[in-house]
Amino acid sequence: IKKSNMAIELNPAGLRKPVAEQYPSRDILEVAYELDIPITFGSDAHAVKQIGFKYKELVSLAKEIGYTKCASFDNRERTLVSF
């Protein structure tokens, strides 16, 4: 991911399932942070009511790890946005 200059999507889909954990796991997010890999937020929504599910919790987790910005994309161009 780092070599490809990509970002990781943090999403709550696993919180709606028996795994009861966001994707990717906290351990992976901590490694990504140490490697300076940006994150982006998603809902992995398959229904309107799932949009934004657990968003505040994901932001809190990202902040606990040390993230203060997330990646936003426009025409495949990445910008980092404070959250």
PDB file of N, CA and C in Angstrom:
ATOM      1  N   ILE A   1       0.838  -1.189   0.000  1.00  0.00           N
ATOM      2  CA  ILE A   1       0.000   0.000   0.000  1.00  0.00           C
ATOM      3  C   ILE A   1       0.877   1.244   0.000  1.00  0.00           C
ATOM      4  N   LYS A   2       1.878   1.267   0.840  1.00  0.00           N
ATOM      5  CA  LYS A   2       2.782   2.419   0.926  1.00  0.00           C
ATOM      6  C   LYS A   2       3.516   2.622  -0.397  1.00  0.00           C
ATOM      7  N   LYS A   3       4.084   1.545  -0.944  1.00  0.00           N
ATOM      8  CA  LYS A   3       4.841   1.650  -2.193  1.00  0.00           C
ATOM      9  C   LYS A   3       3.969   2.110  -3.352  1.00  0.00           C
ATOM     10  N   SER A   4       2.686   1.772  -3.307  1.00  0.00           N
ATOM     11  CA  SER A   4       1.759   2.153  -4.374  1.00  0.00           C
ATOM     12  C   SER A   4       1.142   3.526  -4.148  1.00  0.00           C
ATOM     13  N   ASN A   5       1.517   4.192  -3.043  1.00  0.00           N
ATOM     14  CA  ASN A   5       0.990   5.515  -2.706  1.00  0.00           C
ATOM     15  C   ASN A   5      -0.538   5.503  -2.580  1.00  0.00           C
ATOM     16  N   MET A   6      -1.043   4.462  -1.936  1.00  0.00           N
ATOM     17  CA  MET A   6      -2.480   4.288  -1.765  1.00  0.00           C
ATOM     18  C   MET A   6      -2.890   4.692  -0.346  1.00  0.00           C
ATOM     19  N   ALA A   7      -4.182   4.699  -0.103  1.00  0.00           N
ATOM     20  CA  ALA A   7      -4.743   4.951   1.223  1.00  0.00           C
ATOM     21  C   ALA A   7      -5.530   3.716   1.653  1.00  0.00           C
ATOM     22  N   ILE A   8      -5.789   3.617   2.934  1.00  0.00           N
ATOM     23  CA  ILE A   8      -6.598   2.529   3.482  1.00  0.00           C
ATOM     24  C   ILE A   8      -7.966   3.083   3.849  1.00  0.00           C
ATOM     25  N   GLU A   9      -9.015   2.365   3.449  1.00  0.00           N
ATOM     26  CA  GLU A   9     -10.368   2.758   3.843  1.00  0.00           C
ATOM     27  C   GLU A   9     -10.698   2.166   5.208  1.00  0.00           C
ATOM     28  N   LEU A  10     -11.104   3.010   6.104  1.00  0.00           N
ATOM     29  CA  LEU A  10     -11.578   2.600   7.420  1.00  0.00           C
ATOM     30  C   LEU A  10     -13.097   2.562   7.336  1.00  0.00           C
ATOM     31  N   ASN A  11     -13.694   1.381   7.558  1.00  0.00           N
ATOM     32  CA  ASN A  11     -15.148   1.299   7.474  1.00  0.00           C
ATOM     33  C   ASN A  11     -15.715   0.389   8.558  1.00  0.00           C
ATOM     34  N   PRO A  12     -16.995   0.597   8.899  1.00  0.00           N
ATOM     35  CA  PRO A  12     -17.609  -0.098  10.022  1.00  0.00           C
ATOM     36  C   PRO A  12     -18.323  -1.400   9.669  1.00  0.00           C
ATOM     37  N   ALA A  13     -18.153  -1.916   8.478  1.00  0.00           N
ATOM     38  CA  ALA A  13     -18.924  -3.091   8.055  1.00  0.00           C
ATOM     39  C   ALA A  13     -18.823  -4.237   9.052  1.00  0.00           C
ATOM     40  N   GLY A  14     -17.643  -4.475   9.589  1.00  0.00           N
ATOM     41  CA  GLY A  14     -17.468  -5.567  10.540  1.00  0.00           C
ATOM     42  C   GLY A  14     -18.229  -5.371  11.838  1.00  0.00           C
ATOM     43  N   LEU A  15     -18.564  -4.124  12.159  1.00  0.00           N
ATOM     44  CA  LEU A  15     -19.326  -3.853  13.378  1.00  0.00           C
ATOM     45  C   LEU A  15     -20.773  -4.308  13.245  1.00  0.00           C
ATOM     46  N   ARG A  16     -21.219  -4.555  12.016  1.00  0.00           N
ATOM     47  CA  ARG A  16     -22.569  -5.064  11.773  1.00  0.00           C
ATOM     48  C   ARG A  16     -22.573  -6.586  11.668  1.00  0.00           C
ATOM     49  N   LYS A  17     -21.420  -7.198  11.868  1.00  0.00           N
ATOM     50  CA  LYS A  17     -21.275  -8.643  11.681  1.00  0.00           C
ATOM     51  C   LYS A  17     -20.721  -9.282  12.949  1.00  0.00           C
ATOM     52  N   PRO A  18     -20.713 -10.612  13.008  1.00  0.00           N
ATOM     53  CA  PRO A  18     -20.206 -11.290  14.208  1.00  0.00           C
ATOM     54  C   PRO A  18     -18.765 -10.926  14.591  1.00  0.00           C
ATOM     55  N   VAL A  19     -17.943 -10.527  13.627  1.00  0.00           N
ATOM     56  CA  VAL A  19     -16.564 -10.159  13.954  1.00  0.00           C
ATOM     57  C   VAL A  19     -16.521  -8.964  14.911  1.00  0.00           C
ATOM     58  N   ALA A  20     -17.542  -8.109  14.854  1.00  0.00           N
ATOM     59  CA  ALA A  20     -17.715  -6.970  15.766  1.00  0.00           C
ATOM     60  C   ALA A  20     -16.490  -6.061  15.834  1.00  0.00           C
ATOM     61  N   GLU A  21     -15.867  -5.836  14.689  1.00  0.00           N
ATOM     62  CA  GLU A  21     -14.683  -4.979  14.614  1.00  0.00           C
ATOM     63  C   GLU A  21     -14.694  -4.259  13.274  1.00  0.00           C
ATOM     64  N   GLN A  22     -14.247  -3.017  13.291  1.00  0.00           N
ATOM     65  CA  GLN A  22     -14.155  -2.261  12.042  1.00  0.00           C
ATOM     66  C   GLN A  22     -13.093  -2.896  11.145  1.00  0.00           C
ATOM     67  N   TYR A  23     -13.149  -2.548   9.892  1.00  0.00           N
ATOM     68  CA  TYR A  23     -12.126  -2.987   8.931  1.00  0.00           C
ATOM     69  C   TYR A  23     -11.291  -1.780   8.548  1.00  0.00           C
ATOM     70  N   PRO A  24     -10.002  -1.878   8.514  1.00  0.00           N
ATOM     71  CA  PRO A  24      -9.192  -2.956   9.054  1.00  0.00           C
ATOM     72  C   PRO A  24      -9.137  -2.874  10.579  1.00  0.00           C
ATOM     73  N   SER A  25      -8.512  -3.854  11.172  1.00  0.00           N
ATOM     74  CA  SER A  25      -8.420  -3.913  12.635  1.00  0.00           C
ATOM     75  C   SER A  25      -7.557  -2.768  13.182  1.00  0.00           C
ATOM     76  N   ARG A  26      -7.691  -2.527  14.452  1.00  0.00           N
ATOM     77  CA  ARG A  26      -6.876  -1.495  15.111  1.00  0.00           C
ATOM     78  C   ARG A  26      -5.387  -1.768  14.915  1.00  0.00           C
ATOM     79  N   ASP A  27      -4.976  -3.030  15.044  1.00  0.00           N
ATOM     80  CA  ASP A  27      -3.557  -3.372  14.881  1.00  0.00           C
ATOM     81  C   ASP A  27      -3.037  -2.954  13.511  1.00  0.00           C
ATOM     82  N   ILE A  28      -3.809  -3.220  12.480  1.00  0.00           N
ATOM     83  CA  ILE A  28      -3.394  -2.848  11.121  1.00  0.00           C
ATOM     84  C   ILE A  28      -3.368  -1.333  10.977  1.00  0.00           C
ATOM     85  N   LEU A  29      -4.352  -0.647  11.549  1.00  0.00           N
ATOM     86  CA  LEU A  29      -4.365   0.820  11.489  1.00  0.00           C
ATOM     87  C   LEU A  29      -3.152   1.424  12.190  1.00  0.00           C
ATOM     88  N   GLU A  30      -2.754   0.835  13.297  1.00  0.00           N
ATOM     89  CA  GLU A  30      -1.577   1.344  14.009  1.00  0.00           C
ATOM     90  C   GLU A  30      -0.317   1.188  13.163  1.00  0.00           C
ATOM     91  N   VAL A  31      -0.183   0.070  12.482  1.00  0.00           N
ATOM     92  CA  VAL A  31       0.967  -0.133  11.586  1.00  0.00           C
ATOM     93  C   VAL A  31       0.894   0.856  10.427  1.00  0.00           C
ATOM     94  N   ALA A  32      -0.295   1.034   9.862  1.00  0.00           N
ATOM     95  CA  ALA A  32      -0.465   1.984   8.756  1.00  0.00           C
ATOM     96  C   ALA A  32      -0.061   3.391   9.189  1.00  0.00           C
ATOM     97  N   TYR A  33      -0.449   3.778  10.395  1.00  0.00           N
ATOM     98  CA  TYR A  33      -0.082   5.100  10.909  1.00  0.00           C
ATOM     99  C   TYR A  33       1.432   5.232  11.030  1.00  0.00           C
ATOM    100  N   GLU A  34       2.070   4.219  11.581  1.00  0.00           N
ATOM    101  CA  GLU A  34       3.532   4.244  11.727  1.00  0.00           C
ATOM    102  C   GLU A  34       4.230   4.333  10.369  1.00  0.00           C
ATOM    103  N   LEU A  35       3.619   3.759   9.335  1.00  0.00           N
ATOM    104  CA  LEU A  35       4.188   3.797   7.983  1.00  0.00           C
ATOM    105  C   LEU A  35       3.749   5.038   7.204  1.00  0.00           C
ATOM    106  N   ASP A  36       2.989   5.935   7.862  1.00  0.00           N
ATOM    107  CA  ASP A  36       2.497   7.162   7.235  1.00  0.00           C
ATOM    108  C   ASP A  36       1.594   6.865   6.038  1.00  0.00           C
ATOM    109  N   ILE A  37       0.758   5.848   6.179  1.00  0.00           N
ATOM    110  CA  ILE A  37      -0.226   5.505   5.147  1.00  0.00           C
ATOM    111  C   ILE A  37      -1.521   6.227   5.502  1.00  0.00           C
ATOM    112  N   PRO A  38      -2.042   7.043   4.598  1.00  0.00           N
ATOM    113  CA  PRO A  38      -3.273   7.776   4.904  1.00  0.00           C
ATOM    114  C   PRO A  38      -4.494   6.862   4.944  1.00  0.00           C
ATOM    115  N   ILE A  39      -5.526   7.363   5.618  1.00  0.00           N
ATOM    116  CA  ILE A  39      -6.795   6.642   5.675  1.00  0.00           C
ATOM    117  C   ILE A  39      -7.872   7.467   4.992  1.00  0.00           C
ATOM    118  N   THR A  40      -8.932   6.807   4.643  1.00  0.00           N
ATOM    119  CA  THR A  40     -10.144   7.452   4.178  1.00  0.00           C
ATOM    120  C   THR A  40     -11.293   6.754   4.890  1.00  0.00           C
ATOM    121  N   PHE A  41     -12.410   7.416   5.042  1.00  0.00           N
ATOM    122  CA  PHE A  41     -13.555   6.834   5.735  1.00  0.00           C
ATOM    123  C   PHE A  41     -14.603   6.390   4.728  1.00  0.00           C
ATOM    124  N   GLY A  42     -15.205   5.248   4.990  1.00  0.00           N
ATOM    125  CA  GLY A  42     -16.292   4.744   4.165  1.00  0.00           C
ATOM    126  C   GLY A  42     -17.332   4.085   5.054  1.00  0.00           C
ATOM    127  N   SER A  43     -18.501   3.844   4.492  1.00  0.00           N
ATOM    128  CA  SER A  43     -19.564   3.176   5.240  1.00  0.00           C
ATOM    129  C   SER A  43     -19.752   1.731   4.810  1.00  0.00           C
ATOM    130  N   ASP A  44     -19.268   1.377   3.631  1.00  0.00           N
ATOM    131  CA  ASP A  44     -19.532   0.064   3.043  1.00  0.00           C
ATOM    132  C   ASP A  44     -21.029  -0.213   3.102  1.00  0.00           C
ATOM    133  N   ALA A  45     -21.808   0.819   2.814  1.00  0.00           N
ATOM    134  CA  ALA A  45     -23.264   0.742   2.933  1.00  0.00           C
ATOM    135  C   ALA A  45     -23.885  -0.013   1.764  1.00  0.00           C
ATOM    136  N   HIS A  46     -24.825  -0.865   2.114  1.00  0.00           N
ATOM    137  CA  HIS A  46     -25.610  -1.584   1.115  1.00  0.00           C
ATOM    138  C   HIS A  46     -27.080  -1.209   1.237  1.00  0.00           C
ATOM    139  N   ALA A  47     -27.353  -0.246   2.102  1.00  0.00           N
ATOM    140  CA  ALA A  47     -28.697   0.298   2.293  1.00  0.00           C
ATOM    141  C   ALA A  47     -28.530   1.730   2.801  1.00  0.00           C
ATOM    142  N   VAL A  48     -29.499   2.571   2.498  1.00  0.00           N
ATOM    143  CA  VAL A  48     -29.419   3.986   2.877  1.00  0.00           C
ATOM    144  C   VAL A  48     -29.201   4.148   4.381  1.00  0.00           C
ATOM    145  N   LYS A  49     -29.873   3.350   5.191  1.00  0.00           N
ATOM    146  CA  LYS A  49     -29.761   3.503   6.648  1.00  0.00           C
ATOM    147  C   LYS A  49     -28.365   3.160   7.176  1.00  0.00           C
ATOM    148  N   GLN A  50     -27.535   2.525   6.364  1.00  0.00           N
ATOM    149  CA  GLN A  50     -26.178   2.172   6.790  1.00  0.00           C
ATOM    150  C   GLN A  50     -25.164   3.284   6.525  1.00  0.00           C
ATOM    151  N   ILE A  51     -25.544   4.294   5.767  1.00  0.00           N
ATOM    152  CA  ILE A  51     -24.620   5.389   5.459  1.00  0.00           C
ATOM    153  C   ILE A  51     -24.287   6.146   6.745  1.00  0.00           C
ATOM    154  N   GLY A  52     -23.012   6.278   7.027  1.00  0.00           N
ATOM    155  CA  GLY A  52     -22.569   6.992   8.221  1.00  0.00           C
ATOM    156  C   GLY A  52     -22.619   6.174   9.500  1.00  0.00           C
ATOM    157  N   PHE A  53     -22.942   4.886   9.394  1.00  0.00           N
ATOM    158  CA  PHE A  53     -23.024   4.010  10.569  1.00  0.00           C
ATOM    159  C   PHE A  53     -21.700   4.018  11.330  1.00  0.00           C
ATOM    160  N   LYS A  54     -21.767   4.359  12.611  1.00  0.00           N
ATOM    161  CA  LYS A  54     -20.612   4.365  13.526  1.00  0.00           C
ATOM    162  C   LYS A  54     -19.486   5.311  13.087  1.00  0.00           C
ATOM    163  N   TYR A  55     -19.828   6.330  12.303  1.00  0.00           N
ATOM    164  CA  TYR A  55     -18.809   7.268  11.807  1.00  0.00           C
ATOM    165  C   TYR A  55     -18.054   7.937  12.957  1.00  0.00           C
ATOM    166  N   LYS A  56     -18.774   8.407  13.969  1.00  0.00           N
ATOM    167  CA  LYS A  56     -18.116   9.101  15.089  1.00  0.00           C
ATOM    168  C   LYS A  56     -17.134   8.183  15.810  1.00  0.00           C
ATOM    169  N   GLU A  57     -17.499   6.907  15.944  1.00  0.00           N
ATOM    170  CA  GLU A  57     -16.613   5.946  16.593  1.00  0.00           C
ATOM    171  C   GLU A  57     -15.349   5.721  15.769  1.00  0.00           C
ATOM    172  N   LEU A  58     -15.496   5.674  14.441  1.00  0.00           N
ATOM    173  CA  LEU A  58     -14.330   5.494  13.574  1.00  0.00           C
ATOM    174  C   LEU A  58     -13.397   6.697  13.659  1.00  0.00           C
ATOM    175  N   VAL A  59     -13.963   7.888  13.684  1.00  0.00           N
ATOM    176  CA  VAL A  59     -13.151   9.101  13.820  1.00  0.00           C
ATOM    177  C   VAL A  59     -12.417   9.083  15.160  1.00  0.00           C
ATOM    178  N   SER A  60     -13.100   8.701  16.222  1.00  0.00           N
ATOM    179  CA  SER A  60     -12.460   8.622  17.544  1.00  0.00           C
ATOM    180  C   SER A  60     -11.308   7.630  17.542  1.00  0.00           C
ATOM    181  N   LEU A  61     -11.515   6.474  16.934  1.00  0.00           N
ATOM    182  CA  LEU A  61     -10.457   5.467  16.852  1.00  0.00           C
ATOM    183  C   LEU A  61      -9.261   6.011  16.083  1.00  0.00           C
ATOM    184  N   ALA A  62      -9.516   6.621  14.945  1.00  0.00           N
ATOM    185  CA  ALA A  62      -8.428   7.174  14.132  1.00  0.00           C
ATOM    186  C   ALA A  62      -7.640   8.212  14.930  1.00  0.00           C
ATOM    187  N   LYS A  63      -8.337   9.065  15.669  1.00  0.00           N
ATOM    188  CA  LYS A  63      -7.666  10.082  16.486  1.00  0.00           C
ATOM    189  C   LYS A  63      -6.850   9.443  17.606  1.00  0.00           C
ATOM    190  N   GLU A  64      -7.391   8.391  18.236  1.00  0.00           N
ATOM    191  CA  GLU A  64      -6.648   7.687  19.295  1.00  0.00           C
ATOM    192  C   GLU A  64      -5.319   7.161  18.767  1.00  0.00           C
ATOM    193  N   ILE A  65      -5.333   6.695  17.534  1.00  0.00           N
ATOM    194  CA  ILE A  65      -4.126   6.135  16.926  1.00  0.00           C
ATOM    195  C   ILE A  65      -3.140   7.237  16.558  1.00  0.00           C
ATOM    196  N   GLY A  66      -3.653   8.443  16.285  1.00  0.00           N
ATOM    197  CA  GLY A  66      -2.776   9.559  15.951  1.00  0.00           C
ATOM    198  C   GLY A  66      -3.131  10.282  14.671  1.00  0.00           C
ATOM    199  N   TYR A  67      -4.076   9.740  13.919  1.00  0.00           N
ATOM    200  CA  TYR A  67      -4.485  10.399  12.676  1.00  0.00           C
ATOM    201  C   TYR A  67      -5.212  11.703  12.984  1.00  0.00           C
ATOM    202  N   THR A  68      -4.952  12.715  12.176  1.00  0.00           N
ATOM    203  CA  THR A  68      -5.664  13.990  12.275  1.00  0.00           C
ATOM    204  C   THR A  68      -6.228  14.405  10.924  1.00  0.00           C
ATOM    205  N   LYS A  69      -5.832  13.675   9.882  1.00  0.00           N
ATOM    206  CA  LYS A  69      -6.288  13.977   8.521  1.00  0.00           C
ATOM    207  C   LYS A  69      -6.700  12.689   7.827  1.00  0.00           C
ATOM    208  N   CYS A  70      -7.620  12.835   6.877  1.00  0.00           N
ATOM    209  CA  CYS A  70      -8.012  11.694   6.057  1.00  0.00           C
ATOM    210  C   CYS A  70      -7.886  12.087   4.589  1.00  0.00           C
ATOM    211  N   ALA A  71      -7.776  11.085   3.764  1.00  0.00           N
ATOM    212  CA  ALA A  71      -7.630  11.310   2.331  1.00  0.00           C
ATOM    213  C   ALA A  71      -8.993  11.539   1.698  1.00  0.00           C
ATOM    214  N   SER A  72      -9.033  12.500   0.806  1.00  0.00           N
ATOM    215  CA  SER A  72     -10.205  12.771  -0.016  1.00  0.00           C
ATOM    216  C   SER A  72      -9.723  12.748  -1.458  1.00  0.00           C
ATOM    217  N   PHE A  73     -10.555  12.252  -2.353  1.00  0.00           N
ATOM    218  CA  PHE A  73     -10.132  12.109  -3.744  1.00  0.00           C
ATOM    219  C   PHE A  73     -11.064  12.859  -4.679  1.00  0.00           C
ATOM    220  N   ASP A  74     -10.472  13.519  -5.665  1.00  0.00           N
ATOM    221  CA  ASP A  74     -11.213  14.194  -6.726  1.00  0.00           C
ATOM    222  C   ASP A  74     -10.468  13.920  -8.022  1.00  0.00           C
ATOM    223  N   ASN A  75     -11.111  13.224  -8.935  1.00  0.00           N
ATOM    224  CA  ASN A  75     -10.461  12.824 -10.190  1.00  0.00           C
ATOM    225  C   ASN A  75      -9.142  12.103  -9.935  1.00  0.00           C
ATOM    226  N   ARG A  76      -9.162  11.219  -8.943  1.00  0.00           N
ATOM    227  CA  ARG A  76      -8.013  10.392  -8.563  1.00  0.00           C
ATOM    228  C   ARG A  76      -6.860  11.174  -7.927  1.00  0.00           C
ATOM    229  N   GLU A  77      -7.071  12.445  -7.660  1.00  0.00           N
ATOM    230  CA  GLU A  77      -6.066  13.269  -6.986  1.00  0.00           C
ATOM    231  C   GLU A  77      -6.386  13.291  -5.495  1.00  0.00           C
ATOM    232  N   ARG A  78      -5.397  12.935  -4.689  1.00  0.00           N
ATOM    233  CA  ARG A  78      -5.602  12.862  -3.245  1.00  0.00           C
ATOM    234  C   ARG A  78      -5.288  14.190  -2.575  1.00  0.00           C
ATOM    235  N   THR A  79      -6.148  14.557  -1.645  1.00  0.00           N
ATOM    236  CA  THR A  79      -5.953  15.710  -0.776  1.00  0.00           C
ATOM    237  C   THR A  79      -6.159  15.221   0.652  1.00  0.00           C
ATOM    238  N   LEU A  80      -5.348  15.690   1.575  1.00  0.00           N
ATOM    239  CA  LEU A  80      -5.543  15.339   2.978  1.00  0.00           C
ATOM    240  C   LEU A  80      -6.352  16.432   3.658  1.00  0.00           C
ATOM    241  N   VAL A  81      -7.406  16.011   4.362  1.00  0.00           N
ATOM    242  CA  VAL A  81      -8.358  16.919   4.978  1.00  0.00           C
ATOM    243  C   VAL A  81      -8.379  16.668   6.485  1.00  0.00           C
ATOM    244  N   SER A  82      -8.284  17.725   7.259  1.00  0.00           N
ATOM    245  CA  SER A  82      -8.357  17.587   8.718  1.00  0.00           C
ATOM    246  C   SER A  82      -9.747  17.134   9.141  1.00  0.00           C
ATOM    247  N   PHE A  83      -9.799  16.311  10.169  1.00  0.00           N
ATOM    248  CA  PHE A  83     -11.099  15.899  10.718  1.00  0.00           C
ATOM    249  C   PHE A  83     -11.099  16.053  12.220  1.00  0.00           C
TER     250      PHE A  83
END
